[in-house]
Amino acid sequence: MKMYAKAFEIIRLLHEAPTANNPYQDPLLCFAYALSGDTMRARSAPDIALKKSTPPHNLDFSYTYIALKKYDEAITLLEKAYEVRGIKLY
């Protein structure tokens, strides 16, 4: 059962939860767009979100590019995550 609308609703509510990891909202939203087939939004959202993302969530955004089959961009972000020794890589 594909419940994309519900997923988008939950992701958008992350910033309202006092204990939520707000920085992870953008990577999750981009990935959800890609998985739902909204490729137009999925292709434009990471560029904007990566610029305002602190700390940079290169690993998280690489999932979006993989879902979009943009493997070169995904590898670039994975390499950036490795350069800074992103904790999620371990």
C-alpha atoms as a PDB file:
ATOM      1  CA  MET A   1       0.000   0.000   0.000  1.00  0.00           C
ATOM      2  CA  LYS A   2       1.546   3.293  -1.114  1.00  0.00           C
ATOM      3  CA  MET A   3       0.800   5.988   1.427  1.00  0.00           C
ATOM      4  CA  TYR A   4       2.862   8.841   0.002  1.00  0.00           C
ATOM      5  CA  ALA A   5       0.410  11.537   1.084  1.00  0.00           C
ATOM      6  CA  LYS A   6       0.626  10.332   4.685  1.00  0.00           C
ATOM      7  CA  ALA A   7       4.424  10.186   4.495  1.00  0.00           C
ATOM      8  CA  PHE A   8       4.618  13.760   3.192  1.00  0.00           C
ATOM      9  CA  GLU A   9       2.285  14.900   5.968  1.00  0.00           C
ATOM     10  CA  ILE A  10       4.436  13.275   8.654  1.00  0.00           C
ATOM     11  CA  ILE A  11       7.692  14.618   7.223  1.00  0.00           C
ATOM     12  CA  ARG A  12       6.275  18.145   7.079  1.00  0.00           C
ATOM     13  CA  LEU A  13       5.246  17.891  10.732  1.00  0.00           C
ATOM     14  CA  LEU A  14       8.806  17.119  11.862  1.00  0.00           C
ATOM     15  CA  HIS A  15       9.642  20.770  12.442  1.00  0.00           C
ATOM     16  CA  GLU A  16       6.711  21.085  14.849  1.00  0.00           C
ATOM     17  CA  ALA A  17       7.781  18.227  17.115  1.00  0.00           C
ATOM     18  CA  PRO A  18       9.958  19.509  19.982  1.00  0.00           C
ATOM     19  CA  THR A  19      12.159  16.417  19.917  1.00  0.00           C
ATOM     20  CA  ALA A  20      12.392  16.063  16.149  1.00  0.00           C
ATOM     21  CA  ASN A  21      15.623  16.111  14.200  1.00  0.00           C
ATOM     22  CA  ASN A  22      14.727  19.159  12.133  1.00  0.00           C
ATOM     23  CA  PRO A  23      17.801  19.000   9.886  1.00  0.00           C
ATOM     24  CA  TYR A  24      16.632  15.648   8.583  1.00  0.00           C
ATOM     25  CA  GLN A  25      13.328  16.953   7.244  1.00  0.00           C
ATOM     26  CA  ASP A  26      14.712  18.112   3.896  1.00  0.00           C
ATOM     27  CA  PRO A  27      16.610  14.905   3.065  1.00  0.00           C
ATOM     28  CA  LEU A  28      13.559  12.817   3.971  1.00  0.00           C
ATOM     29  CA  LEU A  29      11.251  14.984   1.901  1.00  0.00           C
ATOM     30  CA  CYS A  30      13.534  14.817  -1.139  1.00  0.00           C
ATOM     31  CA  PHE A  31      13.801  11.047  -0.840  1.00  0.00           C
ATOM     32  CA  ALA A  32      10.018  10.722  -0.487  1.00  0.00           C
ATOM     33  CA  TYR A  33       9.508  12.827  -3.628  1.00  0.00           C
ATOM     34  CA  ALA A  34      11.861  10.534  -5.534  1.00  0.00           C
ATOM     35  CA  LEU A  35      10.201   7.356  -4.316  1.00  0.00           C
ATOM     36  CA  SER A  36       6.718   8.671  -5.020  1.00  0.00           C
ATOM     37  CA  GLY A  37       7.606   9.361  -8.638  1.00  0.00           C
ATOM     38  CA  ASP A  38       7.511  13.168  -8.334  1.00  0.00           C
ATOM     39  CA  THR A  39      10.788  13.450 -10.213  1.00  0.00           C
ATOM     40  CA  MET A  40      10.422  17.149 -11.043  1.00  0.00           C
ATOM     41  CA  ARG A  41      10.286  18.095  -7.369  1.00  0.00           C
ATOM     42  CA  ALA A  42      12.786  15.412  -6.384  1.00  0.00           C
ATOM     43  CA  ARG A  43      15.350  16.779  -8.865  1.00  0.00           C
ATOM     44  CA  SER A  44      15.046  20.424  -7.802  1.00  0.00           C
ATOM     45  CA  ALA A  45      14.592  20.041  -4.049  1.00  0.00           C
ATOM     46  CA  PRO A  46      18.033  18.595  -3.165  1.00  0.00           C
ATOM     47  CA  ASP A  47      19.916  21.471  -4.802  1.00  0.00           C
ATOM     48  CA  ILE A  48      18.056  24.001  -2.669  1.00  0.00           C
ATOM     49  CA  ALA A  49      18.068  21.873   0.462  1.00  0.00           C
ATOM     50  CA  LEU A  50      21.787  21.053   0.266  1.00  0.00           C
ATOM     51  CA  LYS A  51      22.652  24.754   0.247  1.00  0.00           C
ATOM     52  CA  LYS A  52      20.749  25.433   3.484  1.00  0.00           C
ATOM     53  CA  SER A  53      21.522  22.102   5.161  1.00  0.00           C
ATOM     54  CA  THR A  54      23.605  22.384   8.314  1.00  0.00           C
ATOM     55  CA  PRO A  55      25.406  20.215   8.873  1.00  0.00           C
ATOM     56  CA  PRO A  56      25.574  18.991   5.306  1.00  0.00           C
ATOM     57  CA  HIS A  57      23.681  15.720   5.050  1.00  0.00           C
ATOM     58  CA  ASN A  58      25.521  14.399   2.026  1.00  0.00           C
ATOM     59  CA  LEU A  59      24.820  10.763   2.835  1.00  0.00           C
ATOM     60  CA  ASP A  60      21.104  11.399   3.342  1.00  0.00           C
ATOM     61  CA  PHE A  61      20.771  13.308   0.081  1.00  0.00           C
ATOM     62  CA  SER A  62      22.702  10.624  -1.807  1.00  0.00           C
ATOM     63  CA  TYR A  63      19.710   8.307  -1.301  1.00  0.00           C
ATOM     64  CA  THR A  64      17.551  10.723  -3.287  1.00  0.00           C
ATOM     65  CA  TYR A  65      19.999  10.716  -6.175  1.00  0.00           C
ATOM     66  CA  ILE A  66      20.149   6.927  -6.106  1.00  0.00           C
ATOM     67  CA  ALA A  67      16.352   6.751  -6.260  1.00  0.00           C
ATOM     68  CA  LEU A  68      16.488   9.136  -9.246  1.00  0.00           C
ATOM     69  CA  LYS A  69      19.182   6.964 -10.868  1.00  0.00           C
ATOM     70  CA  LYS A  70      21.593   9.912 -10.830  1.00  0.00           C
ATOM     71  CA  TYR A  71      24.505   7.815  -9.696  1.00  0.00           C
ATOM     72  CA  ASP A  72      27.290  10.309 -10.416  1.00  0.00           C
ATOM     73  CA  GLU A  73      25.691  12.875  -8.112  1.00  0.00           C
ATOM     74  CA  ALA A  74      25.146  10.194  -5.461  1.00  0.00           C
ATOM     75  CA  ILE A  75      28.801   9.137  -5.610  1.00  0.00           C
ATOM     76  CA  THR A  76      29.900  12.777  -5.330  1.00  0.00           C
ATOM     77  CA  LEU A  77      27.852  13.213  -2.163  1.00  0.00           C
ATOM     78  CA  LEU A  78      29.109   9.934  -0.730  1.00  0.00           C
ATOM     79  CA  GLU A  79      32.686  11.065  -1.357  1.00  0.00           C
ATOM     80  CA  LYS A  80      31.971  14.371   0.408  1.00  0.00           C
ATOM     81  CA  ALA A  81      30.507  12.473   3.357  1.00  0.00           C
ATOM     82  CA  TYR A  82      33.656  10.345   3.475  1.00  0.00           C
ATOM     83  CA  GLU A  83      35.946  13.397   3.297  1.00  0.00           C
ATOM     84  CA  VAL A  84      34.436  14.804   6.489  1.00  0.00           C
ATOM     85  CA  ARG A  85      34.165  11.318   7.981  1.00  0.00           C
ATOM     86  CA  GLY A  86      30.402  11.606   8.377  1.00  0.00           C
ATOM     87  CA  ILE A  87      29.344   9.616  11.417  1.00  0.00           C
ATOM     88  CA  LYS A  88      26.560   7.849   9.524  1.00  0.00           C
ATOM     89  CA  LEU A  89      29.145   6.106   7.369  1.00  0.00           C
ATOM     90  CA  TYR A  90      30.358   4.083  10.334  1.00  0.00           C
END
